[in-house]
């Protein structure tokens, strides 16, 4: 997620989380790989303007 966030132009995870309406501490845990439910992943992907398919395809092309 961190790489994708940076590709989308957000160098700071707190700024991304704030702009997308995701609690900053919670989003920080997502980037560290903990506490991530599918419903929350979908919120983050919406913020990235990505589909699940695009997200899971990253690095496999």
PDB file of N, CA and C in Angstrom:
ATOM      1  N   UNK A   1       0.815  -1.186   0.000  1.00  0.00           N
ATOM      2  CA  UNK A   1       0.000   0.000   0.000  1.00  0.00           C
ATOM      3  C   UNK A   1       0.861   1.254   0.000  1.00  0.00           C
ATOM      4  N   UNK A   2       1.952   1.194   0.725  1.00  0.00           N
ATOM      5  CA  UNK A   2       2.812   2.376   0.816  1.00  0.00           C
ATOM      6  C   UNK A   2       3.310   2.791  -0.567  1.00  0.00           C
ATOM      7  N   UNK A   3       3.751   1.818  -1.360  1.00  0.00           N
ATOM      8  CA  UNK A   3       4.243   2.129  -2.711  1.00  0.00           C
ATOM      9  C   UNK A   3       3.138   2.716  -3.575  1.00  0.00           C
ATOM     10  N   UNK A   4       1.956   2.138  -3.487  1.00  0.00           N
ATOM     11  CA  UNK A   4       0.835   2.636  -4.291  1.00  0.00           C
ATOM     12  C   UNK A   4       0.486   4.054  -3.863  1.00  0.00           C
ATOM     13  N   UNK A   5       0.446   4.286  -2.554  1.00  0.00           N
ATOM     14  CA  UNK A   5       0.135   5.634  -2.057  1.00  0.00           C
ATOM     15  C   UNK A   5       1.129   6.640  -2.607  1.00  0.00           C
ATOM     16  N   UNK A   6       2.399   6.287  -2.599  1.00  0.00           N
ATOM     17  CA  UNK A   6       3.417   7.210  -3.115  1.00  0.00           C
ATOM     18  C   UNK A   6       3.280   7.402  -4.625  1.00  0.00           C
ATOM     19  N   UNK A   7       2.928   6.336  -5.347  1.00  0.00           N
ATOM     20  CA  UNK A   7       2.699   6.449  -6.790  1.00  0.00           C
ATOM     21  C   UNK A   7       1.540   7.393  -7.092  1.00  0.00           C
ATOM     22  N   UNK A   8       0.578   7.430  -6.179  1.00  0.00           N
ATOM     23  CA  UNK A   8      -0.586   8.306  -6.361  1.00  0.00           C
ATOM     24  C   UNK A   8      -0.295   9.745  -5.939  1.00  0.00           C
ATOM     25  N   UNK A   9       0.954  10.014  -5.515  1.00  0.00           N
ATOM     26  CA  UNK A   9       1.351  11.383  -5.207  1.00  0.00           C
ATOM     27  C   UNK A   9       1.245  11.776  -3.743  1.00  0.00           C
ATOM     28  N   UNK A  10       1.027  10.822  -2.875  1.00  0.00           N
ATOM     29  CA  UNK A  10       0.919  11.106  -1.439  1.00  0.00           C
ATOM     30  C   UNK A  10       2.189  10.626  -0.748  1.00  0.00           C
ATOM     31  N   UNK A  11       3.074  11.542  -0.414  1.00  0.00           N
ATOM     32  CA  UNK A  11       4.301  11.172   0.272  1.00  0.00           C
ATOM     33  C   UNK A  11       4.065  10.902   1.748  1.00  0.00           C
ATOM     34  N   UNK A  12       3.018  11.461   2.301  1.00  0.00           N
ATOM     35  CA  UNK A  12       2.723  11.332   3.716  1.00  0.00           C
ATOM     36  C   UNK A  12       1.430  10.534   3.894  1.00  0.00           C
ATOM     37  N   UNK A  13       1.506   9.433   4.638  1.00  0.00           N
ATOM     38  CA  UNK A  13       0.305   8.609   4.811  1.00  0.00           C
ATOM     39  C   UNK A  13      -0.782   9.346   5.581  1.00  0.00           C
ATOM     40  N   UNK A  14      -0.392  10.241   6.471  1.00  0.00           N
ATOM     41  CA  UNK A  14      -1.387  10.963   7.254  1.00  0.00           C
ATOM     42  C   UNK A  14      -2.235  11.876   6.373  1.00  0.00           C
ATOM     43  N   UNK A  15      -1.608  12.514   5.412  1.00  0.00           N
ATOM     44  CA  UNK A  15      -2.340  13.377   4.485  1.00  0.00           C
ATOM     45  C   UNK A  15      -3.327  12.561   3.668  1.00  0.00           C
ATOM     46  N   UNK A  16      -2.871  11.422   3.153  1.00  0.00           N
ATOM     47  CA  UNK A  16      -3.750  10.553   2.375  1.00  0.00           C
ATOM     48  C   UNK A  16      -4.950  10.130   3.217  1.00  0.00           C
ATOM     49  N   UNK A  17      -4.677   9.632   4.421  1.00  0.00           N
ATOM     50  CA  UNK A  17      -5.754   9.151   5.285  1.00  0.00           C
ATOM     51  C   UNK A  17      -6.745  10.269   5.591  1.00  0.00           C
ATOM     52  N   UNK A  18      -6.241  11.439   5.919  1.00  0.00           N
ATOM     53  CA  UNK A  18      -7.114  12.569   6.239  1.00  0.00           C
ATOM     54  C   UNK A  18      -8.007  12.929   5.054  1.00  0.00           C
ATOM     55  N   UNK A  19      -7.410  13.040   3.868  1.00  0.00           N
ATOM     56  CA  UNK A  19      -8.178  13.430   2.682  1.00  0.00           C
ATOM     57  C   UNK A  19      -9.210  12.386   2.282  1.00  0.00           C
ATOM     58  N   UNK A  20      -8.955  11.125   2.595  1.00  0.00           N
ATOM     59  CA  UNK A  20      -9.871  10.051   2.199  1.00  0.00           C
ATOM     60  C   UNK A  20     -10.824   9.647   3.311  1.00  0.00           C
ATOM     61  N   UNK A  21     -10.742  10.332   4.456  1.00  0.00           N
ATOM     62  CA  UNK A  21     -11.669  10.061   5.544  1.00  0.00           C
ATOM     63  C   UNK A  21     -11.408   8.770   6.294  1.00  0.00           C
ATOM     64  N   UNK A  22     -10.161   8.343   6.315  1.00  0.00           N
ATOM     65  CA  UNK A  22      -9.767   7.127   7.030  1.00  0.00           C
ATOM     66  C   UNK A  22      -8.969   7.576   8.251  1.00  0.00           C
ATOM     67  N   UNK A  23      -9.297   7.080   9.439  1.00  0.00           N
ATOM     68  CA  UNK A  23      -8.508   7.476  10.609  1.00  0.00           C
ATOM     69  C   UNK A  23      -7.020   7.222  10.384  1.00  0.00           C
ATOM     70  N   UNK A  24      -6.202   8.235  10.669  1.00  0.00           N
ATOM     71  CA  UNK A  24      -4.769   8.162  10.350  1.00  0.00           C
ATOM     72  C   UNK A  24      -4.067   7.005  11.033  1.00  0.00           C
ATOM     73  N   UNK A  25      -4.311   6.807  12.314  1.00  0.00           N
ATOM     74  CA  UNK A  25      -3.644   5.701  13.024  1.00  0.00           C
ATOM     75  C   UNK A  25      -4.060   4.359  12.433  1.00  0.00           C
ATOM     76  N   UNK A  26      -5.321   4.250  12.083  1.00  0.00           N
ATOM     77  CA  UNK A  26      -5.827   3.011  11.494  1.00  0.00           C
ATOM     78  C   UNK A  26      -5.162   2.761  10.142  1.00  0.00           C
ATOM     79  N   UNK A  27      -5.067   3.795   9.305  1.00  0.00           N
ATOM     80  CA  UNK A  27      -4.429   3.613   8.003  1.00  0.00           C
ATOM     81  C   UNK A  27      -2.951   3.252   8.166  1.00  0.00           C
ATOM     82  N   UNK A  28      -2.293   3.831   9.141  1.00  0.00           N
ATOM     83  CA  UNK A  28      -0.896   3.484   9.416  1.00  0.00           C
ATOM     84  C   UNK A  28      -0.743   1.999   9.709  1.00  0.00           C
ATOM     85  N   UNK A  29      -1.693   1.431  10.446  1.00  0.00           N
ATOM     86  CA  UNK A  29      -1.660  -0.013  10.720  1.00  0.00           C
ATOM     87  C   UNK A  29      -1.860  -0.808   9.437  1.00  0.00           C
ATOM     88  N   UNK A  30      -2.712  -0.318   8.562  1.00  0.00           N
ATOM     89  CA  UNK A  30      -2.928  -1.011   7.284  1.00  0.00           C
ATOM     90  C   UNK A  30      -1.620  -1.119   6.510  1.00  0.00           C
ATOM     91  N   UNK A  31      -0.882  -0.006   6.445  1.00  0.00           N
ATOM     92  CA  UNK A  31       0.377  -0.017   5.698  1.00  0.00           C
ATOM     93  C   UNK A  31       1.402  -0.950   6.333  1.00  0.00           C
ATOM     94  N   UNK A  32       1.297  -1.146   7.629  1.00  0.00           N
ATOM     95  CA  UNK A  32       2.209  -2.067   8.311  1.00  0.00           C
ATOM     96  C   UNK A  32       1.712  -3.508   8.231  1.00  0.00           C
ATOM     97  N   UNK A  33       0.535  -3.694   7.640  1.00  0.00           N
ATOM     98  CA  UNK A  33       0.029  -5.041   7.412  1.00  0.00           C
ATOM     99  C   UNK A  33      -0.782  -5.625   8.551  1.00  0.00           C
ATOM    100  N   UNK A  34      -1.317  -4.794   9.411  1.00  0.00           N
ATOM    101  CA  UNK A  34      -2.134  -5.338  10.494  1.00  0.00           C
ATOM    102  C   UNK A  34      -3.521  -4.705  10.485  1.00  0.00           C
ATOM    103  N   UNK A  35      -4.463  -5.427  11.092  1.00  0.00           N
ATOM    104  CA  UNK A  35      -5.805  -4.888  11.328  1.00  0.00           C
ATOM    105  C   UNK A  35      -6.531  -4.493  10.046  1.00  0.00           C
ATOM    106  N   UNK A  36      -6.398  -5.294   8.999  1.00  0.00           N
ATOM    107  CA  UNK A  36      -7.031  -4.923   7.732  1.00  0.00           C
ATOM    108  C   UNK A  36      -8.130  -5.923   7.380  1.00  0.00           C
ATOM    109  N   UNK A  37      -9.360  -5.438   7.360  1.00  0.00           N
ATOM    110  CA  UNK A  37     -10.509  -6.234   6.946  1.00  0.00           C
ATOM    111  C   UNK A  37     -10.808  -5.894   5.489  1.00  0.00           C
ATOM    112  N   UNK A  38     -11.501  -6.790   4.826  1.00  0.00           N
ATOM    113  CA  UNK A  38     -11.838  -6.568   3.418  1.00  0.00           C
ATOM    114  C   UNK A  38     -12.603  -5.267   3.236  1.00  0.00           C
ATOM    115  N   UNK A  39     -13.531  -4.988   4.116  1.00  0.00           N
ATOM    116  CA  UNK A  39     -14.319  -3.754   3.973  1.00  0.00           C
ATOM    117  C   UNK A  39     -13.423  -2.520   4.065  1.00  0.00           C
ATOM    118  N   UNK A  40     -12.413  -2.576   4.924  1.00  0.00           N
ATOM    119  CA  UNK A  40     -11.491  -1.450   5.046  1.00  0.00           C
ATOM    120  C   UNK A  40     -10.554  -1.373   3.843  1.00  0.00           C
ATOM    121  N   UNK A  41     -10.139  -2.531   3.326  1.00  0.00           N
ATOM    122  CA  UNK A  41      -9.305  -2.542   2.128  1.00  0.00           C
ATOM    123  C   UNK A  41     -10.057  -1.887   0.977  1.00  0.00           C
ATOM    124  N   UNK A  42     -11.337  -2.163   0.859  1.00  0.00           N
ATOM    125  CA  UNK A  42     -12.133  -1.565  -0.211  1.00  0.00           C
ATOM    126  C   UNK A  42     -12.183  -0.045  -0.084  1.00  0.00           C
ATOM    127  N   UNK A  43     -12.248   0.471   1.146  1.00  0.00           N
ATOM    128  CA  UNK A  43     -12.220   1.923   1.359  1.00  0.00           C
ATOM    129  C   UNK A  43     -10.901   2.521   0.879  1.00  0.00           C
ATOM    130  N   UNK A  44      -9.813   1.853   1.235  1.00  0.00           N
ATOM    131  CA  UNK A  44      -8.491   2.341   0.839  1.00  0.00           C
ATOM    132  C   UNK A  44      -8.357   2.303  -0.678  1.00  0.00           C
ATOM    133  N   UNK A  45      -8.784   1.217  -1.291  1.00  0.00           N
ATOM    134  CA  UNK A  45      -8.694   1.109  -2.746  1.00  0.00           C
ATOM    135  C   UNK A  45      -9.552   2.162  -3.428  1.00  0.00           C
ATOM    136  N   UNK A  46     -10.673   2.495  -2.840  1.00  0.00           N
ATOM    137  CA  UNK A  46     -11.498   3.576  -3.369  1.00  0.00           C
ATOM    138  C   UNK A  46     -10.703   4.879  -3.338  1.00  0.00           C
ATOM    139  N   UNK A  47      -9.968   5.098  -2.266  1.00  0.00           N
ATOM    140  CA  UNK A  47      -9.119   6.286  -2.167  1.00  0.00           C
ATOM    141  C   UNK A  47      -8.019   6.292  -3.212  1.00  0.00           C
ATOM    142  N   UNK A  48      -7.515   5.099  -3.542  1.00  0.00           N
ATOM    143  CA  UNK A  48      -6.487   4.968  -4.575  1.00  0.00           C
ATOM    144  C   UNK A  48      -7.096   4.988  -5.972  1.00  0.00           C
ATOM    145  N   UNK A  49      -8.430   4.928  -6.053  1.00  0.00           N
ATOM    146  CA  UNK A  49      -9.142   4.813  -7.325  1.00  0.00           C
ATOM    147  C   UNK A  49      -8.707   3.548  -8.056  1.00  0.00           C
ATOM    148  N   UNK A  50      -8.676   2.433  -7.316  1.00  0.00           N
ATOM    149  CA  UNK A  50      -8.253   1.138  -7.858  1.00  0.00           C
ATOM    150  C   UNK A  50      -9.319   0.085  -7.573  1.00  0.00           C
ATOM    151  N   UNK A  51      -9.342  -0.950  -8.408  1.00  0.00           N
ATOM    152  CA  UNK A  51     -10.192  -2.105  -8.153  1.00  0.00           C
ATOM    153  C   UNK A  51      -9.382  -3.146  -7.382  1.00  0.00           C
ATOM    154  N   UNK A  52     -10.090  -4.130  -6.833  1.00  0.00           N
ATOM    155  CA  UNK A  52      -9.390  -5.239  -6.178  1.00  0.00           C
ATOM    156  C   UNK A  52      -8.450  -5.933  -7.153  1.00  0.00           C
ATOM    157  N   UNK A  53      -8.922  -6.130  -8.371  1.00  0.00           N
ATOM    158  CA  UNK A  53      -8.106  -6.791  -9.391  1.00  0.00           C
ATOM    159  C   UNK A  53      -6.814  -6.019  -9.645  1.00  0.00           C
ATOM    160  N   UNK A  54      -6.920  -4.713  -9.787  1.00  0.00           N
ATOM    161  CA  UNK A  54      -5.722  -3.901 -10.016  1.00  0.00           C
ATOM    162  C   UNK A  54      -4.759  -3.980  -8.836  1.00  0.00           C
ATOM    163  N   UNK A  55      -5.299  -3.957  -7.630  1.00  0.00           N
ATOM    164  CA  UNK A  55      -4.477  -4.006  -6.434  1.00  0.00           C
ATOM    165  C   UNK A  55      -3.694  -5.309  -6.348  1.00  0.00           C
ATOM    166  N   UNK A  56      -4.373  -6.418  -6.565  1.00  0.00           N
ATOM    167  CA  UNK A  56      -3.710  -7.702  -6.432  1.00  0.00           C
ATOM    168  C   UNK A  56      -2.862  -8.057  -7.649  1.00  0.00           C
ATOM    169  N   UNK A  57      -3.059  -7.359  -8.745  1.00  0.00           N
ATOM    170  CA  UNK A  57      -2.239  -7.589  -9.929  1.00  0.00           C
ATOM    171  C   UNK A  57      -0.890  -6.898  -9.795  1.00  0.00           C
ATOM    172  N   UNK A  58      -0.770  -5.852  -8.966  1.00  0.00           N
ATOM    173  CA  UNK A  58       0.487  -5.108  -8.790  1.00  0.00           C
ATOM    174  C   UNK A  58       1.625  -6.078  -8.505  1.00  0.00           C
ATOM    175  N   UNK A  59       2.694  -5.958  -9.257  1.00  0.00           N
ATOM    176  CA  UNK A  59       3.873  -6.783  -9.041  1.00  0.00           C
ATOM    177  C   UNK A  59       3.837  -8.138  -9.725  1.00  0.00           C
ATOM    178  N   UNK A  60       2.710  -8.457 -10.378  1.00  0.00           N
ATOM    179  CA  UNK A  60       2.596  -9.753 -11.041  1.00  0.00           C
ATOM    180  C   UNK A  60       2.624  -9.642 -12.563  1.00  0.00           C
ATOM    181  N   UNK A  61       2.705  -8.446 -13.071  1.00  0.00           N
ATOM    182  CA  UNK A  61       2.731  -8.234 -14.529  1.00  0.00           C
ATOM    183  C   UNK A  61       4.087  -8.597 -15.100  1.00  0.00           C
TER     184      UNK A  61
END
